[in-house]
N, C-alpha and C. Protein backbone atom coordinates (compact mmCIF):
# COMPACT_ATOMS: atom_id res chain seq x y z
N MET A 1 9.73 99.45 40.92
CA MET A 1 9.47 97.76 40.17
C MET A 1 10.38 96.78 40.60
N ASP A 2 10.28 96.66 41.78
CA ASP A 2 11.39 95.31 41.50
C ASP A 2 10.54 94.55 42.71
N GLU A 3 11.28 92.97 41.74
CA GLU A 3 10.93 91.84 42.88
C GLU A 3 11.36 90.66 42.83
N THR A 4 12.40 90.16 44.23
CA THR A 4 12.83 89.17 44.10
C THR A 4 12.65 87.82 45.42
N ILE A 5 12.24 86.88 44.35
CA ILE A 5 11.62 85.77 45.11
C ILE A 5 13.46 84.30 45.20
N THR A 6 12.71 84.17 46.54
CA THR A 6 14.38 82.53 46.52
C THR A 6 13.58 81.69 47.15
N VAL A 7 14.02 80.68 46.66
CA VAL A 7 13.59 79.44 46.42
C VAL A 7 15.06 77.76 46.57
N GLU A 8 14.20 77.30 47.22
CA GLU A 8 15.11 76.14 47.62
C GLU A 8 14.49 74.90 46.77
N THR A 9 15.23 74.62 45.84
CA THR A 9 15.06 73.11 44.92
C THR A 9 16.58 72.23 44.31
N ASP A 10 16.30 71.06 44.00
CA ASP A 10 16.92 70.09 43.24
C ASP A 10 16.90 70.58 41.72
N LEU A 11 15.25 70.71 41.92
CA LEU A 11 14.57 70.28 40.76
C LEU A 11 15.64 70.88 39.17
N PHE A 12 16.36 71.91 39.40
CA PHE A 12 17.00 72.71 38.19
C PHE A 12 18.60 72.38 38.74
N GLU A 13 19.81 72.25 37.24
CA GLU A 13 20.59 71.83 37.61
C GLU A 13 21.76 72.26 38.28
N HIS A 14 22.98 72.55 39.13
CA HIS A 14 23.42 73.09 39.50
C HIS A 14 24.75 72.25 40.15
N ARG A 15 24.86 71.26 39.69
CA ARG A 15 25.92 70.94 40.53
C ARG A 15 27.59 70.62 38.87
N GLU A 16 26.54 70.72 37.12
CA GLU A 16 28.06 70.33 36.56
C GLU A 16 28.44 71.56 35.96
N VAL A 17 29.17 72.35 35.73
CA VAL A 17 29.66 73.53 35.19
C VAL A 17 29.51 73.08 33.19
N LYS A 18 29.10 74.09 32.80
CA LYS A 18 28.50 73.68 31.03
C LYS A 18 29.44 74.40 30.79
N PRO A 19 30.75 73.94 29.28
CA PRO A 19 31.20 74.51 28.66
C PRO A 19 31.44 76.34 28.25
N HIS A 20 29.15 76.08 28.01
CA HIS A 20 29.41 77.40 28.04
C HIS A 20 29.49 78.57 28.39
N PHE A 21 28.81 78.23 30.02
CA PHE A 21 29.05 79.12 30.99
C PHE A 21 29.99 80.46 30.69
N ILE A 22 30.04 81.50 31.11
CA ILE A 22 30.73 82.77 31.30
C ILE A 22 31.27 82.46 32.32
N ASN A 23 30.76 82.26 33.57
CA ASN A 23 31.83 81.62 34.62
C ASN A 23 30.94 80.22 35.23
N PRO A 24 32.06 79.47 35.75
CA PRO A 24 31.59 78.28 36.17
C PRO A 24 30.81 77.90 37.19
N CYS A 25 29.82 79.33 37.60
CA CYS A 25 28.67 79.06 38.67
C CYS A 25 27.34 79.78 38.05
N CYS A 26 27.62 79.85 36.48
CA CYS A 26 26.28 80.66 35.68
C CYS A 26 25.29 79.33 35.84
N PHE A 27 24.86 78.61 36.56
CA PHE A 27 23.72 77.68 36.71
C PHE A 27 22.07 78.97 36.41
N GLY A 28 21.12 77.91 36.24
CA GLY A 28 20.01 78.50 36.22
C GLY A 28 19.65 78.35 34.96
N GLU A 29 19.69 77.79 33.87
CA GLU A 29 19.75 78.37 32.19
C GLU A 29 18.45 76.90 32.61
N ASP A 30 18.20 75.96 32.59
CA ASP A 30 17.32 75.11 32.79
C ASP A 30 15.75 75.62 33.56
N LEU A 31 16.00 76.43 34.80
CA LEU A 31 15.59 77.36 35.67
C LEU A 31 14.61 78.28 34.72
N ALA A 32 15.13 78.98 33.60
CA ALA A 32 14.81 79.95 32.87
C ALA A 32 14.30 79.64 32.07
N ALA A 33 14.63 78.70 31.28
CA ALA A 33 13.54 77.86 30.17
C ALA A 33 12.48 77.36 30.32
N TRP A 34 12.57 76.54 31.88
CA TRP A 34 11.07 75.69 32.58
C TRP A 34 10.18 76.88 32.76
N MET A 35 10.81 77.99 33.31
CA MET A 35 9.65 79.55 33.32
C MET A 35 9.36 80.07 32.29
N LYS A 36 10.20 80.06 30.99
CA LYS A 36 9.49 81.14 30.50
C LYS A 36 8.61 79.68 29.04
N GLN A 37 8.55 78.80 29.58
CA GLN A 37 7.56 77.53 28.98
C GLN A 37 6.26 77.79 29.81
N GLU A 38 6.80 77.44 31.38
CA GLU A 38 5.57 77.85 31.91
C GLU A 38 4.52 78.97 31.22
N LEU A 39 5.11 79.91 31.81
CA LEU A 39 4.46 81.39 31.32
C LEU A 39 3.78 81.50 30.65
N SER A 40 4.43 80.55 29.20
CA SER A 40 3.93 80.50 27.62
C SER A 40 2.75 79.88 27.90
N ARG A 41 2.12 79.08 28.45
CA ARG A 41 1.18 78.33 28.73
C ARG A 41 0.04 79.01 28.97
N VAL A 42 0.84 80.12 29.70
CA VAL A 42 -0.69 80.83 30.30
C VAL A 42 -1.91 81.42 29.72
N ALA A 43 -3.45 80.48 29.92
CA ALA A 43 -4.25 81.43 28.66
C ALA A 43 -4.14 82.91 28.66
N ASP A 44 -4.19 83.23 27.38
CA ASP A 44 -4.18 84.88 27.62
C ASP A 44 -3.00 85.56 28.72
N PHE A 45 -1.98 85.47 28.47
CA PHE A 45 -0.98 85.81 28.99
C PHE A 45 -0.57 86.91 29.10
N GLY A 46 -0.33 87.02 27.04
CA GLY A 46 -0.12 89.07 26.55
C GLY A 46 1.11 89.17 26.45
N PHE A 47 1.74 88.81 27.36
CA PHE A 47 3.39 89.62 27.00
C PHE A 47 4.20 88.80 26.19
N ASP A 48 4.84 89.20 25.28
CA ASP A 48 5.90 88.51 24.62
C ASP A 48 6.92 88.14 25.67
N LEU A 49 7.11 86.91 25.12
CA LEU A 49 8.63 86.35 25.79
C LEU A 49 10.32 86.09 24.89
N SER A 50 11.61 86.97 25.18
CA SER A 50 12.56 87.20 24.72
C SER A 50 12.82 85.41 24.87
N GLN A 51 13.91 85.33 23.73
CA GLN A 51 15.29 84.03 24.18
C GLN A 51 15.95 83.91 26.02
N VAL A 52 15.55 83.09 26.02
CA VAL A 52 16.86 82.73 27.41
C VAL A 52 17.95 83.68 27.08
N ILE A 53 18.51 84.40 27.75
CA ILE A 53 20.27 84.08 27.54
C ILE A 53 20.81 84.35 28.31
N GLN A 54 22.05 84.44 28.72
CA GLN A 54 23.39 83.94 29.41
C GLN A 54 23.68 85.52 30.17
N GLU A 55 23.73 86.06 31.35
CA GLU A 55 24.66 86.99 31.46
C GLU A 55 25.61 86.18 32.77
N ASP A 56 26.24 86.93 33.57
CA ASP A 56 27.19 86.76 34.26
C ASP A 56 27.01 86.36 35.15
N TYR A 57 25.83 87.05 36.02
CA TYR A 57 25.59 86.03 37.20
C TYR A 57 23.77 85.20 36.91
N GLY A 58 23.76 84.95 35.64
CA GLY A 58 22.70 83.55 35.75
C GLY A 58 22.00 83.90 34.20
N TRP A 59 20.81 84.05 33.89
CA TRP A 59 20.30 83.90 32.94
C TRP A 59 19.03 84.74 32.90
N VAL A 60 18.47 85.41 31.71
CA VAL A 60 17.70 86.17 32.09
C VAL A 60 16.51 86.21 30.23
N PHE A 61 15.32 86.30 30.85
CA PHE A 61 14.69 86.86 29.58
C PHE A 61 13.32 87.68 29.26
N LEU A 62 13.31 88.51 28.44
CA LEU A 62 12.60 89.64 28.63
C LEU A 62 10.89 89.23 28.33
N ALA A 63 9.70 90.21 29.13
CA ALA A 63 8.68 89.61 28.31
C ALA A 63 8.29 91.44 28.76
N SER A 64 7.53 91.10 27.63
CA SER A 64 7.38 92.61 26.93
C SER A 64 5.75 92.44 26.79
N ARG A 65 5.69 94.09 26.85
CA ARG A 65 3.76 93.77 26.60
C ARG A 65 3.71 95.17 26.57
N SER A 66 2.81 95.54 25.32
CA SER A 66 2.76 96.69 24.68
C SER A 66 3.95 97.83 24.16
N LYS A 67 4.39 99.18 25.25
CA LYS A 67 5.84 99.41 25.22
C LYS A 67 6.35 99.47 26.33
N ASP A 68 5.95 98.58 27.14
CA ASP A 68 6.81 98.10 28.70
C ASP A 68 7.38 96.52 28.44
N ARG A 69 8.86 96.81 29.06
CA ARG A 69 9.56 95.59 28.70
C ARG A 69 10.32 94.97 30.16
N PHE A 70 9.80 94.10 30.30
CA PHE A 70 10.48 93.60 31.90
C PHE A 70 11.66 92.62 32.24
N TRP A 71 12.92 92.61 32.90
CA TRP A 71 13.83 91.72 32.63
C TRP A 71 13.79 90.76 33.78
N ILE A 72 13.55 89.45 33.67
CA ILE A 72 13.44 88.45 34.40
C ILE A 72 14.30 87.25 34.51
N ALA A 73 15.71 87.71 35.62
CA ALA A 73 16.51 87.22 35.61
C ALA A 73 16.61 85.62 36.79
N PHE A 74 17.46 85.19 36.76
CA PHE A 74 17.49 83.72 37.01
C PHE A 74 18.91 83.43 37.73
N SER A 75 18.74 83.35 38.90
CA SER A 75 20.33 82.86 39.42
C SER A 75 20.20 82.18 40.87
N TYR A 76 21.77 82.10 40.50
CA TYR A 76 21.78 80.52 41.81
C TYR A 76 22.53 80.84 42.61
N VAL A 77 22.20 81.07 43.85
CA VAL A 77 23.09 81.40 45.22
C VAL A 77 24.13 80.81 45.88
N ALA A 78 25.50 80.98 45.47
CA ALA A 78 26.57 80.07 45.62
C ALA A 78 27.59 80.23 44.68
N ASP A 79 28.79 79.95 45.45
CA ASP A 79 29.94 80.38 44.94
C ASP A 79 30.59 78.73 43.51
N GLY A 80 29.87 78.70 43.67
CA GLY A 80 30.17 76.63 43.16
C GLY A 80 29.28 75.53 43.20
N PRO A 81 29.40 74.36 42.78
CA PRO A 81 28.77 73.20 42.78
C PRO A 81 28.89 72.76 44.71
N GLN A 82 27.24 72.89 44.85
CA GLN A 82 27.18 72.69 46.25
C GLN A 82 25.91 71.25 46.92
N VAL A 83 26.08 71.08 48.01
CA VAL A 83 25.66 70.19 48.41
C VAL A 83 23.59 70.72 48.75
N PRO A 84 23.16 69.74 48.64
CA PRO A 84 21.64 70.35 48.53
C PRO A 84 20.99 70.85 49.54
N PRO A 85 19.45 71.01 49.36
CA PRO A 85 19.36 71.94 48.37
C PRO A 85 19.69 72.67 47.67
N ALA A 86 19.53 73.52 46.22
CA ALA A 86 20.33 74.26 45.66
C ALA A 86 19.33 75.47 46.48
N GLN A 87 19.61 77.12 46.31
CA GLN A 87 19.33 77.78 46.77
C GLN A 87 19.53 78.55 45.14
N TRP A 88 18.26 79.87 44.85
CA TRP A 88 17.68 80.84 43.69
C TRP A 88 17.41 81.45 43.93
N VAL A 89 17.64 82.35 42.96
CA VAL A 89 16.98 83.69 42.92
C VAL A 89 16.23 84.28 41.85
N ILE A 90 14.94 84.32 41.64
CA ILE A 90 14.39 85.22 40.92
C ILE A 90 14.36 86.11 40.77
N SER A 91 14.19 87.19 39.56
CA SER A 91 14.07 88.82 40.28
C SER A 91 13.60 89.50 38.88
N GLY A 92 12.99 90.40 39.16
CA GLY A 92 12.21 90.78 37.77
C GLY A 92 12.74 92.51 38.11
N THR A 93 12.58 92.57 36.77
CA THR A 93 12.55 94.59 36.67
C THR A 93 12.26 95.28 35.37
N TYR A 94 11.68 96.60 35.88
CA TYR A 94 11.73 97.21 34.82
C TYR A 94 12.74 97.36 33.40
N ASN A 95 12.80 97.45 32.63
CA ASN A 95 14.25 97.42 31.74
C ASN A 95 13.94 98.36 30.58
N PRO A 96 13.57 99.92 30.84
CA PRO A 96 13.16 100.65 29.56
C PRO A 96 14.62 100.56 28.79
N GLY A 97 15.21 99.97 27.92
CA GLY A 97 16.34 99.77 26.97
C GLY A 97 16.95 100.80 27.51
N LEU A 98 18.41 100.98 26.27
CA LEU A 98 18.66 102.05 26.40
C LEU A 98 18.48 103.43 25.42
N ASN A 99 16.99 103.51 26.05
CA ASN A 99 16.28 104.91 25.47
C ASN A 99 16.60 106.25 26.47
N LEU A 100 17.57 107.31 26.40
CA LEU A 100 17.43 107.56 27.85
C LEU A 100 16.13 108.49 28.29
N ILE A 101 15.29 109.48 26.81
CA ILE A 101 13.88 110.16 27.17
C ILE A 101 12.88 108.49 27.98
N LYS A 102 12.66 107.46 27.52
CA LYS A 102 11.82 106.49 28.49
C LYS A 102 12.24 106.07 29.98
N ARG A 103 13.85 105.98 30.03
CA ARG A 103 13.94 105.88 30.96
C ARG A 103 13.82 107.22 31.94
N LEU A 104 14.05 108.21 31.47
CA LEU A 104 13.75 109.81 32.79
C LEU A 104 12.19 109.59 33.08
N PHE A 105 11.36 109.24 31.92
CA PHE A 105 10.02 109.80 31.68
C PHE A 105 8.75 108.72 31.74
N HIS A 106 9.56 107.71 30.96
CA HIS A 106 8.22 106.72 30.86
C HIS A 106 7.73 105.85 32.02
N LYS A 107 6.57 106.23 32.58
CA LYS A 107 6.52 105.04 33.70
C LYS A 107 5.97 103.97 33.15
N PRO A 108 6.09 102.57 33.80
CA PRO A 108 5.48 101.19 32.74
C PRO A 108 4.12 100.95 34.23
N ASP A 109 3.59 100.00 32.76
CA ASP A 109 1.82 99.76 33.70
C ASP A 109 2.35 99.02 34.80
N ARG A 110 1.58 99.12 36.11
CA ARG A 110 1.72 99.03 37.06
C ARG A 110 1.07 97.78 37.05
N GLN A 111 0.18 97.27 35.91
CA GLN A 111 -0.85 96.32 36.41
C GLN A 111 -0.41 95.34 35.48
N SER A 112 0.18 96.28 34.61
CA SER A 112 1.16 94.79 33.59
C SER A 112 2.11 94.23 34.36
N TRP A 113 2.80 94.90 35.38
CA TRP A 113 3.82 94.42 36.44
C TRP A 113 3.10 93.98 37.56
N GLU A 114 2.66 93.64 38.23
CA GLU A 114 1.88 92.66 39.20
C GLU A 114 0.99 91.52 38.68
N TYR A 115 0.74 92.00 37.09
CA TYR A 115 -0.11 90.50 36.56
C TYR A 115 1.27 89.40 36.27
N LEU A 116 2.90 90.22 35.52
CA LEU A 116 3.91 89.33 35.32
C LEU A 116 3.98 89.01 36.75
N GLN A 117 4.34 89.30 37.91
CA GLN A 117 4.92 89.10 38.75
C GLN A 117 3.97 88.03 39.92
N ALA A 118 2.12 88.22 39.35
CA ALA A 118 1.23 87.31 40.06
C ALA A 118 1.94 85.47 39.42
N LYS A 119 1.73 85.78 37.95
CA LYS A 119 1.86 84.43 37.23
C LYS A 119 3.13 84.11 37.63
N ILE A 120 4.22 84.72 37.64
CA ILE A 120 5.97 84.18 38.00
C ILE A 120 5.92 83.43 39.85
N ARG A 121 5.28 83.98 40.77
CA ARG A 121 4.76 83.89 41.29
C ARG A 121 3.14 81.92 41.62
N GLN A 122 2.23 82.22 40.73
CA GLN A 122 1.83 81.14 40.67
C GLN A 122 2.14 80.14 39.96
N VAL A 123 3.61 80.25 38.70
CA VAL A 123 4.26 79.43 38.24
C VAL A 123 5.23 78.54 39.93
N VAL A 124 5.81 79.30 39.98
CA VAL A 124 6.89 78.54 41.28
C VAL A 124 5.77 77.94 42.78
N THR A 125 4.81 78.82 42.93
CA THR A 125 4.12 77.73 43.94
C THR A 125 2.64 76.65 43.07
N SER A 126 2.80 76.18 42.67
CA SER A 126 2.24 75.79 41.77
C SER A 126 2.87 74.16 41.59
N ASN A 127 4.04 74.24 41.86
CA ASN A 127 5.31 73.39 41.03
C ASN A 127 5.57 72.35 42.79
N PRO A 128 5.33 71.38 43.11
CA PRO A 128 5.66 70.59 44.56
C PRO A 128 6.51 70.29 44.84
N ALA A 129 7.50 70.61 43.72
CA ALA A 129 8.91 70.46 43.87
C ALA A 129 9.65 71.04 44.70
N ILE A 130 9.34 72.14 44.05
CA ILE A 130 8.96 73.59 45.03
C ILE A 130 8.42 74.26 46.01
N PRO A 131 9.44 73.97 47.14
CA PRO A 131 8.94 74.60 48.77
C PRO A 131 8.44 75.92 48.84
N ALA A 132 7.68 76.40 49.74
CA ALA A 132 7.46 77.27 50.16
C ALA A 132 8.29 78.40 49.48
N PRO A 133 8.25 79.45 48.73
CA PRO A 133 9.35 80.74 48.48
C PRO A 133 9.63 81.63 49.22
N CYS A 134 10.26 82.50 49.15
CA CYS A 134 10.76 83.92 50.59
C CYS A 134 10.01 84.62 49.56
N TYR A 135 9.60 85.82 49.48
CA TYR A 135 9.55 87.32 48.43
C TYR A 135 10.30 88.55 49.34
N ALA A 136 10.49 89.41 48.38
CA ALA A 136 11.69 90.62 49.22
C ALA A 136 11.20 90.92 47.52
N ALA A 137 10.65 92.82 48.37
CA ALA A 137 10.23 93.40 47.23
C ALA A 137 11.29 94.39 47.31
């Protein structure tokens, strides 16, 4: 239950290294915040969205529905600030947390995951500043 979307856009900050970054290439904070905001605007969305947090590879938030949690991650594809356009990866996966029983035996709701994927794709493709994305499962 993984999906990856690759996009090229200069809509999000990818030049200025912020003092709170875990590493010098931890761009994507504004991309993650934008996605969370756009998903929150979807009528009858039905997912609870966590705060955006930083990881060593980028920024993430959890989208939770019922007993299922999905990890939505945003990563900058480069070793440092680069010439435009910036390349970004938006990825998602099921996250059972630290619960070993859930990790081994629980099957997440496929319809919830597909709905979440569709909404993320819709947000990306509805913005004219983001050219046609590339998808990978």
